[in-house]
């Protein structure tokens, strides 16, 4: 009986070493892709013009006309954990909060990144008199 336990122990040790030694720990480097700059005429509305479409008060929503696009630079980061599922962008006319169902966002939208937003199917709302998308 004791010889059978030793055999099982050696077999288990051999399998453990074989499994661990078969793991490939080399990884290819990630190819960085430079962002494509948006065309100068990409935006159909400035952020201020988009926010002006929302004439209702808090807890009301305003539909955005089809074909509306804005662009701006990211001015927020959720890296430190103080912002959750929110992205703030600004252009020369103002800034707006964009609520997203995703996190973390800083890995894709770093501060200073230029982003374009196609607003089809989105709505404007406000909280504390601050308009948000």
Foldseek 3Di string as FASTA:
>chain_A
DVVVVVVVVVVVVVVVVVVVVPDDPDDDDDDDDDDDDDDPPQAPDEPVRQQVQDPDAAPDKAQDDAPGKYKFFWADACPVPPDDQWTWGHDPVGIAIEGHPDDDPCVPRPGGDMDMDRCVPHIWHDDPNGIHD
